[in-house]
């Protein structure tokens, strides 16, 4: 009797193939998770907490990545960078006498830099989601600054809160102005 036609051999081969396929699937999924963790840094943990499980969090992060890949993100021209830097310095100086107005303008300035760089600007949550792909280490600062600005609109923020918001906005602003290309090769 031919050993290849032995039912026990066929079953063993099928089981071995299933085990190998499962191991490949697990390994691939782990590599994808590691890549997303590296790419998104603290934003990965935030998505995990927000979505409640790894599968949904990673699906959301991959969706963000694919969405942002469609954008024409470009560096600022030197004259644009200089103009925006001057505007930022002006808002920082204004903060001493008019913290509320300076914060509102800083928020607008960050949004304008995003727009000029090529990010579509719509509602805040979408802006933060989009920014998280290329600027994951400062997007929490952006969220914190926005939350303080909202509290300020309701008259619930102190001058110290406004100062913190300016610092938070500045971290994203400086990251957006940085003259380094967006590296999308590592994205999932």
N, C-alpha and C. Protein backbone atom coordinates (compact mmCIF):
# COMPACT_ATOMS: atom_id res chain seq x y z
N UNK A 1 0.84 -1.19 0.00
CA UNK A 1 0.00 0.00 0.00
C UNK A 1 0.89 1.25 0.00
N UNK A 2 0.54 2.20 -0.81
CA UNK A 2 1.28 3.45 -0.95
C UNK A 2 1.11 4.28 0.32
N UNK A 3 2.23 4.76 0.89
CA UNK A 3 2.18 5.49 2.14
C UNK A 3 1.45 6.83 1.99
N UNK A 4 1.52 7.47 0.83
CA UNK A 4 0.87 8.75 0.60
C UNK A 4 -0.64 8.61 0.62
N UNK A 5 -1.16 7.44 0.31
CA UNK A 5 -2.60 7.27 0.30
C UNK A 5 -3.12 6.79 1.65
N UNK A 6 -2.25 6.58 2.59
CA UNK A 6 -2.64 6.17 3.92
C UNK A 6 -3.45 7.30 4.56
N UNK A 7 -4.67 7.05 5.01
CA UNK A 7 -5.51 8.10 5.60
C UNK A 7 -4.84 8.80 6.79
N UNK A 8 -4.10 8.09 7.59
CA UNK A 8 -3.43 8.70 8.73
C UNK A 8 -2.37 9.71 8.26
N UNK A 9 -1.67 9.38 7.20
CA UNK A 9 -0.66 10.29 6.65
C UNK A 9 -1.32 11.55 6.10
N UNK A 10 -2.42 11.38 5.40
CA UNK A 10 -3.15 12.53 4.83
C UNK A 10 -3.64 13.43 5.95
N UNK A 11 -4.20 12.85 6.99
CA UNK A 11 -4.69 13.64 8.12
C UNK A 11 -3.52 14.38 8.78
N UNK A 12 -2.40 13.71 8.96
CA UNK A 12 -1.23 14.34 9.57
C UNK A 12 -0.73 15.51 8.74
N UNK A 13 -0.74 15.35 7.41
CA UNK A 13 -0.31 16.44 6.52
C UNK A 13 -1.27 17.61 6.61
N UNK A 14 -2.56 17.33 6.62
CA UNK A 14 -3.57 18.39 6.72
C UNK A 14 -3.42 19.13 8.05
N UNK A 15 -3.26 18.40 9.13
CA UNK A 15 -3.08 19.03 10.43
C UNK A 15 -1.81 19.88 10.45
N UNK A 16 -0.74 19.35 9.89
CA UNK A 16 0.51 20.12 9.83
C UNK A 16 0.33 21.41 9.04
N UNK A 17 -0.38 21.34 7.92
CA UNK A 17 -0.63 22.54 7.11
C UNK A 17 -1.48 23.56 7.87
N UNK A 18 -2.48 23.08 8.59
CA UNK A 18 -3.33 23.97 9.37
C UNK A 18 -2.51 24.64 10.47
N UNK A 19 -1.66 23.88 11.14
CA UNK A 19 -0.81 24.44 12.20
C UNK A 19 0.15 25.47 11.62
N UNK A 20 0.77 25.17 10.49
CA UNK A 20 1.69 26.12 9.85
C UNK A 20 0.94 27.38 9.45
N UNK A 21 -0.24 27.24 8.87
CA UNK A 21 -1.04 28.40 8.46
C UNK A 21 -1.40 29.25 9.69
N UNK A 22 -1.78 28.60 10.77
CA UNK A 22 -2.12 29.33 11.99
C UNK A 22 -0.91 30.08 12.54
N UNK A 23 0.24 29.44 12.53
CA UNK A 23 1.46 30.09 13.01
C UNK A 23 1.85 31.28 12.14
N UNK A 24 1.72 31.14 10.85
CA UNK A 24 2.00 32.25 9.93
C UNK A 24 1.04 33.40 10.19
N UNK A 25 -0.24 33.07 10.39
CA UNK A 25 -1.23 34.12 10.66
C UNK A 25 -0.90 34.84 11.96
N UNK A 26 -0.57 34.10 13.02
CA UNK A 26 -0.23 34.69 14.31
C UNK A 26 1.02 35.56 14.18
N UNK A 27 2.04 35.06 13.51
CA UNK A 27 3.29 35.81 13.33
C UNK A 27 3.03 37.10 12.56
N UNK A 28 2.25 37.02 11.50
CA UNK A 28 1.92 38.20 10.68
C UNK A 28 1.16 39.22 11.50
N UNK A 29 0.21 38.77 12.26
CA UNK A 29 -0.58 39.69 13.09
C UNK A 29 0.30 40.36 14.14
N UNK A 30 1.21 39.60 14.77
CA UNK A 30 2.11 40.18 15.75
C UNK A 30 3.03 41.22 15.12
N UNK A 31 3.55 40.93 13.94
CA UNK A 31 4.42 41.89 13.24
C UNK A 31 3.65 43.18 12.92
N UNK A 32 2.40 43.01 12.47
CA UNK A 32 1.56 44.17 12.15
C UNK A 32 1.30 45.00 13.41
N UNK A 33 1.03 44.32 14.52
CA UNK A 33 0.81 45.03 15.79
C UNK A 33 2.07 45.77 16.22
N UNK A 34 3.22 45.13 16.12
CA UNK A 34 4.48 45.77 16.49
C UNK A 34 4.74 46.99 15.62
N UNK A 35 4.44 46.87 14.33
CA UNK A 35 4.65 47.99 13.42
C UNK A 35 3.73 49.16 13.78
N UNK A 36 2.48 48.88 14.09
CA UNK A 36 1.56 49.94 14.49
C UNK A 36 1.98 50.58 15.81
N UNK A 37 2.46 49.78 16.75
CA UNK A 37 2.94 50.32 18.03
C UNK A 37 4.12 51.27 17.81
N UNK A 38 5.05 50.87 16.93
CA UNK A 38 6.20 51.74 16.63
C UNK A 38 5.75 53.02 15.93
N UNK A 39 4.86 52.87 14.97
CA UNK A 39 4.42 54.02 14.19
C UNK A 39 3.64 55.01 15.04
N UNK A 40 2.73 54.52 15.85
CA UNK A 40 1.81 55.40 16.57
C UNK A 40 2.23 55.71 18.00
N UNK A 41 3.19 55.00 18.53
CA UNK A 41 3.66 55.28 19.89
C UNK A 41 2.52 55.35 20.88
N UNK A 42 2.43 56.45 21.63
CA UNK A 42 1.39 56.56 22.66
C UNK A 42 -0.03 56.55 22.08
N UNK A 43 -0.16 56.91 20.84
CA UNK A 43 -1.48 56.92 20.20
C UNK A 43 -2.04 55.50 20.06
N UNK A 44 -1.15 54.51 19.96
CA UNK A 44 -1.60 53.11 19.89
C UNK A 44 -2.35 52.75 21.17
N UNK A 45 -1.76 53.09 22.32
CA UNK A 45 -2.40 52.79 23.60
C UNK A 45 -3.70 53.56 23.77
N UNK A 46 -3.74 54.78 23.30
CA UNK A 46 -4.96 55.58 23.38
C UNK A 46 -6.06 54.94 22.55
N UNK A 47 -5.73 54.50 21.35
CA UNK A 47 -6.72 53.85 20.49
C UNK A 47 -7.21 52.54 21.11
N UNK A 48 -6.30 51.82 21.71
CA UNK A 48 -6.65 50.57 22.37
C UNK A 48 -7.63 50.84 23.51
N UNK A 49 -7.34 51.83 24.30
CA UNK A 49 -8.23 52.19 25.42
C UNK A 49 -9.59 52.66 24.90
N UNK A 50 -9.57 53.47 23.85
CA UNK A 50 -10.80 54.04 23.29
C UNK A 50 -11.67 52.97 22.62
N UNK A 51 -11.05 52.07 21.87
CA UNK A 51 -11.81 51.07 21.11
C UNK A 51 -12.13 49.82 21.92
N UNK A 52 -11.37 49.56 22.99
CA UNK A 52 -11.69 48.45 23.86
C UNK A 52 -11.05 47.12 23.53
N UNK A 53 -10.56 46.95 22.33
CA UNK A 53 -9.85 45.70 22.01
C UNK A 53 -8.85 45.94 20.89
N UNK A 54 -7.87 45.05 20.82
CA UNK A 54 -6.75 45.21 19.89
C UNK A 54 -7.23 45.23 18.44
N UNK A 55 -8.10 44.33 18.09
CA UNK A 55 -8.55 44.23 16.69
C UNK A 55 -9.19 45.54 16.22
N UNK A 56 -10.10 46.08 17.01
CA UNK A 56 -10.77 47.33 16.61
C UNK A 56 -9.82 48.52 16.63
N UNK A 57 -8.94 48.56 17.62
CA UNK A 57 -7.98 49.66 17.69
C UNK A 57 -7.05 49.65 16.49
N UNK A 58 -6.52 48.48 16.16
CA UNK A 58 -5.60 48.38 15.02
C UNK A 58 -6.32 48.64 13.70
N UNK A 59 -7.55 48.23 13.61
CA UNK A 59 -8.33 48.52 12.40
C UNK A 59 -8.48 50.03 12.23
N UNK A 60 -8.76 50.72 13.34
CA UNK A 60 -8.89 52.18 13.29
C UNK A 60 -7.57 52.84 12.89
N UNK A 61 -6.47 52.39 13.46
CA UNK A 61 -5.17 52.97 13.13
C UNK A 61 -4.80 52.72 11.67
N UNK A 62 -5.09 51.52 11.18
CA UNK A 62 -4.82 51.24 9.75
C UNK A 62 -5.71 52.11 8.86
N UNK A 63 -6.95 52.31 9.27
CA UNK A 63 -7.85 53.18 8.50
C UNK A 63 -7.30 54.61 8.45
N UNK A 64 -6.82 55.11 9.57
CA UNK A 64 -6.23 56.45 9.60
C UNK A 64 -5.05 56.53 8.63
N UNK A 65 -4.20 55.51 8.69
CA UNK A 65 -3.02 55.49 7.85
C UNK A 65 -3.40 55.52 6.38
N UNK A 66 -4.35 54.69 6.01
CA UNK A 66 -4.77 54.64 4.60
C UNK A 66 -5.42 55.95 4.17
N UNK A 67 -6.19 56.57 5.07
CA UNK A 67 -6.82 57.85 4.76
C UNK A 67 -5.74 58.91 4.51
N UNK A 68 -4.76 58.99 5.40
CA UNK A 68 -3.74 60.04 5.30
C UNK A 68 -2.81 59.79 4.11
N UNK A 69 -2.63 58.54 3.72
CA UNK A 69 -1.80 58.25 2.54
C UNK A 69 -2.36 58.92 1.29
N UNK A 70 -3.66 59.16 1.28
CA UNK A 70 -4.31 59.79 0.12
C UNK A 70 -4.07 61.30 0.07
N UNK A 71 -3.60 61.89 1.15
CA UNK A 71 -3.37 63.33 1.19
C UNK A 71 -2.04 63.67 0.53
N UNK A 72 -1.96 64.87 0.03
CA UNK A 72 -0.71 65.37 -0.53
C UNK A 72 -0.01 66.21 0.54
N UNK A 73 0.59 65.51 1.53
CA UNK A 73 1.28 66.20 2.62
C UNK A 73 2.63 66.68 2.10
N UNK A 74 2.89 67.94 2.30
CA UNK A 74 4.12 68.52 1.77
C UNK A 74 4.78 69.41 2.81
N UNK A 75 6.08 69.56 2.70
CA UNK A 75 6.78 70.47 3.63
C UNK A 75 6.44 71.92 3.29
N UNK A 76 6.65 72.75 4.25
CA UNK A 76 6.42 74.18 4.02
C UNK A 76 7.60 74.77 3.26
N UNK A 77 7.31 75.74 2.43
CA UNK A 77 8.37 76.50 1.77
C UNK A 77 9.04 77.38 2.84
N UNK A 78 10.30 77.72 2.65
CA UNK A 78 11.00 78.55 3.66
C UNK A 78 10.26 79.85 4.00
N UNK A 79 9.67 80.50 3.00
CA UNK A 79 8.96 81.75 3.29
C UNK A 79 7.69 81.48 4.11
N UNK A 80 7.02 80.36 3.85
CA UNK A 80 5.84 80.01 4.64
C UNK A 80 6.25 79.73 6.09
N UNK A 81 7.32 78.95 6.24
CA UNK A 81 7.79 78.62 7.58
C UNK A 81 8.15 79.89 8.35
N UNK A 82 8.82 80.81 7.71
CA UNK A 82 9.21 82.07 8.35
C UNK A 82 7.98 82.89 8.72
N UNK A 83 7.01 82.95 7.82
CA UNK A 83 5.77 83.72 8.08
C UNK A 83 5.02 83.12 9.27
N UNK A 84 4.87 81.79 9.27
CA UNK A 84 4.16 81.14 10.37
C UNK A 84 4.92 81.31 11.69
N UNK A 85 6.23 81.22 11.65
CA UNK A 85 7.03 81.41 12.87
C UNK A 85 6.85 82.81 13.42
N UNK A 86 6.83 83.81 12.53
CA UNK A 86 6.60 85.18 12.96
C UNK A 86 5.22 85.33 13.59
N UNK A 87 4.22 84.72 12.96
CA UNK A 87 2.86 84.79 13.51
C UNK A 87 2.78 84.12 14.88
N UNK A 88 3.50 83.01 15.04
CA UNK A 88 3.49 82.34 16.34
C UNK A 88 4.12 83.23 17.41
N UNK A 89 5.28 83.82 17.09
CA UNK A 89 5.94 84.70 18.05
C UNK A 89 5.03 85.87 18.43
N UNK A 90 4.29 86.36 17.48
CA UNK A 90 3.35 87.45 17.74
C UNK A 90 2.27 87.01 18.73
N UNK A 91 1.76 85.80 18.58
CA UNK A 91 0.73 85.30 19.49
C UNK A 91 1.30 85.04 20.88
N UNK A 92 2.54 84.56 20.93
CA UNK A 92 3.16 84.37 22.23
C UNK A 92 3.33 85.70 22.96
N UNK A 93 3.74 86.72 22.24
CA UNK A 93 3.90 88.05 22.85
C UNK A 93 2.54 88.60 23.27
N UNK A 94 1.53 88.36 22.48
CA UNK A 94 0.17 88.83 22.76
C UNK A 94 -0.40 88.17 24.02
N UNK A 95 0.07 86.97 24.31
CA UNK A 95 -0.47 86.19 25.43
C UNK A 95 -0.40 86.96 26.74
N UNK A 96 0.65 87.73 26.95
CA UNK A 96 0.84 88.46 28.21
C UNK A 96 -0.34 89.39 28.48
N UNK A 97 -0.78 90.12 27.47
CA UNK A 97 -1.85 91.10 27.65
C UNK A 97 -3.23 90.55 27.33
N UNK A 98 -3.28 89.54 26.48
CA UNK A 98 -4.58 89.04 26.01
C UNK A 98 -4.53 87.52 25.82
N UNK A 99 -4.48 86.77 26.92
CA UNK A 99 -4.30 85.32 26.82
C UNK A 99 -5.41 84.62 26.03
N UNK A 100 -6.64 85.02 26.22
CA UNK A 100 -7.74 84.38 25.51
C UNK A 100 -7.59 84.56 24.00
N UNK A 101 -7.39 85.78 23.56
CA UNK A 101 -7.24 86.06 22.13
C UNK A 101 -6.04 85.36 21.53
N UNK A 102 -4.94 85.33 22.28
CA UNK A 102 -3.73 84.66 21.79
C UNK A 102 -3.97 83.17 21.62
N UNK A 103 -4.71 82.57 22.55
CA UNK A 103 -5.00 81.14 22.46
C UNK A 103 -5.89 80.84 21.26
N UNK A 104 -6.89 81.64 21.04
CA UNK A 104 -7.78 81.44 19.89
C UNK A 104 -6.98 81.53 18.60
N UNK A 105 -6.11 82.53 18.51
CA UNK A 105 -5.31 82.69 17.29
C UNK A 105 -4.27 81.58 17.15
N UNK A 106 -3.72 81.10 18.25
CA UNK A 106 -2.77 79.98 18.18
C UNK A 106 -3.47 78.75 17.62
N UNK A 107 -4.68 78.50 18.07
CA UNK A 107 -5.48 77.38 17.56
C UNK A 107 -5.70 77.53 16.05
N UNK A 108 -6.08 78.74 15.63
CA UNK A 108 -6.29 78.99 14.20
C UNK A 108 -5.00 78.83 13.41
N UNK A 109 -3.91 79.27 13.99
CA UNK A 109 -2.61 79.18 13.31
C UNK A 109 -2.20 77.72 13.10
N UNK A 110 -2.38 76.89 14.12
CA UNK A 110 -2.08 75.46 13.98
C UNK A 110 -2.94 74.86 12.87
N UNK A 111 -4.21 75.20 12.86
CA UNK A 111 -5.12 74.68 11.82
C UNK A 111 -4.69 75.14 10.44
N UNK A 112 -4.25 76.38 10.33
CA UNK A 112 -3.81 76.91 9.03
C UNK A 112 -2.54 76.21 8.56
N UNK A 113 -1.60 75.94 9.47
CA UNK A 113 -0.39 75.22 9.08
C UNK A 113 -0.76 73.82 8.60
N UNK A 114 -1.69 73.18 9.30
CA UNK A 114 -2.15 71.85 8.87
C UNK A 114 -2.70 71.93 7.44
N UNK A 115 -3.53 72.93 7.20
CA UNK A 115 -4.15 73.07 5.87
C UNK A 115 -3.10 73.29 4.80
N UNK A 116 -2.16 74.18 5.05
CA UNK A 116 -1.12 74.48 4.07
C UNK A 116 -0.22 73.26 3.82
N UNK A 117 0.02 72.47 4.86
CA UNK A 117 0.83 71.26 4.70
C UNK A 117 0.11 70.20 3.86
N UNK A 118 -1.23 70.29 3.79
CA UNK A 118 -1.98 69.34 2.97
C UNK A 118 -2.99 68.50 3.71
N UNK A 119 -3.12 68.72 5.00
CA UNK A 119 -4.15 67.99 5.76
C UNK A 119 -5.49 68.68 5.53
N UNK A 120 -6.51 67.91 5.21
CA UNK A 120 -7.83 68.54 5.11
C UNK A 120 -8.29 68.89 6.52
N UNK A 121 -8.73 70.08 6.73
CA UNK A 121 -9.16 70.47 8.06
C UNK A 121 -10.68 70.50 8.09
N UNK A 122 -11.21 69.74 9.00
CA UNK A 122 -12.66 69.69 9.15
C UNK A 122 -12.96 69.83 10.63
N UNK A 123 -13.60 68.83 11.21
CA UNK A 123 -13.87 68.93 12.64
C UNK A 123 -12.63 68.51 13.43
N UNK A 124 -12.58 68.91 14.68
CA UNK A 124 -11.40 68.68 15.49
C UNK A 124 -11.03 67.21 15.59
N UNK A 125 -12.01 66.35 15.85
CA UNK A 125 -11.69 64.93 16.03
C UNK A 125 -11.05 64.33 14.78
N UNK A 126 -11.52 64.71 13.61
CA UNK A 126 -10.92 64.22 12.37
C UNK A 126 -9.52 64.79 12.19
N UNK A 127 -9.35 66.08 12.54
CA UNK A 127 -8.01 66.68 12.46
C UNK A 127 -7.03 65.93 13.34
N UNK A 128 -7.43 65.65 14.58
CA UNK A 128 -6.54 64.94 15.51
C UNK A 128 -6.24 63.54 15.00
N UNK A 129 -7.25 62.88 14.47
CA UNK A 129 -7.05 61.53 13.93
C UNK A 129 -6.05 61.56 12.78
N UNK A 130 -6.21 62.52 11.88
CA UNK A 130 -5.30 62.64 10.74
C UNK A 130 -3.87 62.97 11.19
N UNK A 131 -3.75 63.90 12.09
CA UNK A 131 -2.44 64.33 12.58
C UNK A 131 -1.73 63.18 13.30
N UNK A 132 -2.50 62.31 13.93
CA UNK A 132 -1.89 61.22 14.71
C UNK A 132 -1.04 60.29 13.85
N UNK A 133 -1.30 60.23 12.56
CA UNK A 133 -0.55 59.33 11.69
C UNK A 133 0.89 59.80 11.54
N UNK A 134 1.09 61.07 11.32
CA UNK A 134 2.43 61.61 11.08
C UNK A 134 3.05 62.29 12.30
N UNK A 135 2.23 62.59 13.31
CA UNK A 135 2.71 63.31 14.49
C UNK A 135 2.14 62.67 15.76
N UNK A 136 2.36 61.37 15.94
CA UNK A 136 1.71 60.68 17.06
C UNK A 136 2.20 61.09 18.45
N UNK A 137 3.38 61.66 18.53
CA UNK A 137 3.92 62.01 19.85
C UNK A 137 3.46 63.38 20.34
N UNK A 138 2.79 64.15 19.50
CA UNK A 138 2.30 65.46 19.94
C UNK A 138 0.79 65.59 19.80
N UNK A 139 0.13 64.58 19.27
CA UNK A 139 -1.32 64.70 19.08
C UNK A 139 -2.05 64.80 20.41
N UNK A 140 -1.54 64.17 21.47
CA UNK A 140 -2.18 64.32 22.78
C UNK A 140 -2.09 65.76 23.27
N UNK A 141 -0.98 66.42 22.97
CA UNK A 141 -0.86 67.84 23.31
C UNK A 141 -1.93 68.66 22.58
N UNK A 142 -2.15 68.33 21.32
CA UNK A 142 -3.16 69.01 20.52
C UNK A 142 -4.54 68.81 21.15
N UNK A 143 -4.84 67.60 21.56
CA UNK A 143 -6.13 67.32 22.20
C UNK A 143 -6.26 68.09 23.52
N UNK A 144 -5.19 68.10 24.31
CA UNK A 144 -5.22 68.79 25.60
C UNK A 144 -5.41 70.30 25.39
N UNK A 145 -4.72 70.87 24.42
CA UNK A 145 -4.86 72.30 24.13
C UNK A 145 -6.28 72.62 23.69
N UNK A 146 -6.83 71.77 22.85
CA UNK A 146 -8.20 71.99 22.37
C UNK A 146 -9.20 71.91 23.53
N UNK A 147 -9.02 70.96 24.42
CA UNK A 147 -9.92 70.82 25.58
C UNK A 147 -9.86 72.07 26.46
N UNK A 148 -8.66 72.60 26.65
CA UNK A 148 -8.53 73.82 27.44
C UNK A 148 -9.19 74.99 26.72
N UNK A 149 -9.02 75.08 25.42
CA UNK A 149 -9.65 76.16 24.64
C UNK A 149 -11.17 76.08 24.76
N UNK A 150 -11.71 74.87 24.75
CA UNK A 150 -13.16 74.72 24.93
C UNK A 150 -13.60 75.16 26.32
N UNK A 151 -12.80 74.79 27.34
CA UNK A 151 -13.11 75.23 28.70
C UNK A 151 -13.03 76.75 28.81
N UNK A 152 -12.05 77.33 28.11
CA UNK A 152 -11.91 78.79 28.12
C UNK A 152 -13.13 79.46 27.52
N UNK A 153 -13.68 78.90 26.46
CA UNK A 153 -14.89 79.47 25.85
C UNK A 153 -16.05 79.49 26.82
N UNK A 154 -16.07 78.54 27.76
CA UNK A 154 -17.14 78.48 28.77
C UNK A 154 -16.76 79.28 30.02
N UNK A 155 -15.59 79.94 29.99
CA UNK A 155 -15.14 80.72 31.13
C UNK A 155 -14.64 79.86 32.28
N UNK A 156 -14.18 78.64 31.98
CA UNK A 156 -13.78 77.70 33.03
C UNK A 156 -12.27 77.45 33.07
N UNK A 157 -11.50 78.22 32.34
CA UNK A 157 -10.04 77.99 32.30
C UNK A 157 -9.32 79.15 32.96
N UNK A 158 -8.32 78.81 33.76
CA UNK A 158 -7.50 79.83 34.40
C UNK A 158 -6.42 80.31 33.43
N UNK A 159 -5.74 81.36 33.80
CA UNK A 159 -4.62 81.85 32.99
C UNK A 159 -3.54 80.79 32.89
N UNK A 160 -3.32 80.05 33.97
CA UNK A 160 -2.32 78.96 33.94
C UNK A 160 -2.76 77.87 32.94
N UNK A 161 -4.06 77.57 32.90
CA UNK A 161 -4.56 76.61 31.91
C UNK A 161 -4.28 77.10 30.49
N UNK A 162 -4.52 78.39 30.27
CA UNK A 162 -4.29 78.97 28.94
C UNK A 162 -2.81 78.90 28.57
N UNK A 163 -1.94 79.14 29.56
CA UNK A 163 -0.50 79.04 29.31
C UNK A 163 -0.14 77.62 28.89
N UNK A 164 -0.69 76.62 29.60
CA UNK A 164 -0.44 75.22 29.24
C UNK A 164 -0.93 74.94 27.83
N UNK A 165 -2.10 75.46 27.49
CA UNK A 165 -2.64 75.23 26.15
C UNK A 165 -1.72 75.81 25.08
N UNK A 166 -1.17 76.99 25.35
CA UNK A 166 -0.23 77.58 24.39
C UNK A 166 1.00 76.68 24.23
N UNK A 167 1.50 76.13 25.32
CA UNK A 167 2.66 75.23 25.26
C UNK A 167 2.29 73.98 24.46
N UNK A 168 1.09 73.45 24.69
CA UNK A 168 0.64 72.26 23.97
C UNK A 168 0.49 72.54 22.47
N UNK A 169 -0.14 73.67 22.15
CA UNK A 169 -0.28 74.03 20.73
C UNK A 169 1.09 74.20 20.10
N UNK A 170 2.02 74.80 20.85
CA UNK A 170 3.36 75.04 20.30
C UNK A 170 4.06 73.73 19.94
N UNK A 171 3.86 72.69 20.74
CA UNK A 171 4.54 71.43 20.44
C UNK A 171 4.08 70.87 19.09
N UNK A 172 2.80 70.94 18.80
CA UNK A 172 2.33 70.48 17.49
C UNK A 172 2.76 71.46 16.41
N UNK A 173 2.66 72.74 16.68
CA UNK A 173 3.07 73.76 15.71
C UNK A 173 4.51 73.55 15.27
N UNK A 174 5.41 73.34 16.24
CA UNK A 174 6.82 73.14 15.92
C UNK A 174 7.03 71.85 15.14
N UNK A 175 6.28 70.81 15.48
CA UNK A 175 6.40 69.55 14.76
C UNK A 175 5.91 69.72 13.31
N UNK A 176 4.84 70.48 13.13
CA UNK A 176 4.32 70.72 11.78
C UNK A 176 5.29 71.57 10.95
N UNK A 177 6.00 72.49 11.60
CA UNK A 177 6.94 73.34 10.89
C UNK A 177 8.27 72.66 10.58
N UNK A 178 8.55 71.58 11.29
CA UNK A 178 9.84 70.91 11.12
C UNK A 178 10.09 70.56 9.67
N UNK A 179 11.32 70.76 9.25
CA UNK A 179 11.68 70.53 7.85
C UNK A 179 12.18 69.09 7.67
N UNK A 180 11.28 68.15 7.89
CA UNK A 180 11.64 66.76 7.64
C UNK A 180 10.50 66.13 6.85
N UNK A 181 10.83 65.28 5.95
CA UNK A 181 9.78 64.67 5.14
C UNK A 181 8.94 63.72 5.96
N UNK A 182 7.69 63.61 5.60
CA UNK A 182 6.80 62.65 6.22
C UNK A 182 7.22 61.27 5.75
N UNK A 183 7.48 60.37 6.69
CA UNK A 183 7.95 59.03 6.34
C UNK A 183 6.78 58.08 6.43
N UNK A 184 6.31 57.68 5.29
CA UNK A 184 5.16 56.81 5.27
C UNK A 184 5.51 55.36 4.99
N UNK A 185 6.76 55.05 4.72
CA UNK A 185 7.15 53.69 4.37
C UNK A 185 6.91 52.70 5.49
N UNK A 186 6.93 53.15 6.74
CA UNK A 186 6.76 52.24 7.86
C UNK A 186 5.30 52.01 8.21
N UNK A 187 4.41 52.71 7.57
CA UNK A 187 3.01 52.59 7.90
C UNK A 187 2.43 51.28 7.42
N UNK A 188 1.44 50.82 8.17
CA UNK A 188 0.78 49.56 7.81
C UNK A 188 -0.08 49.71 6.60
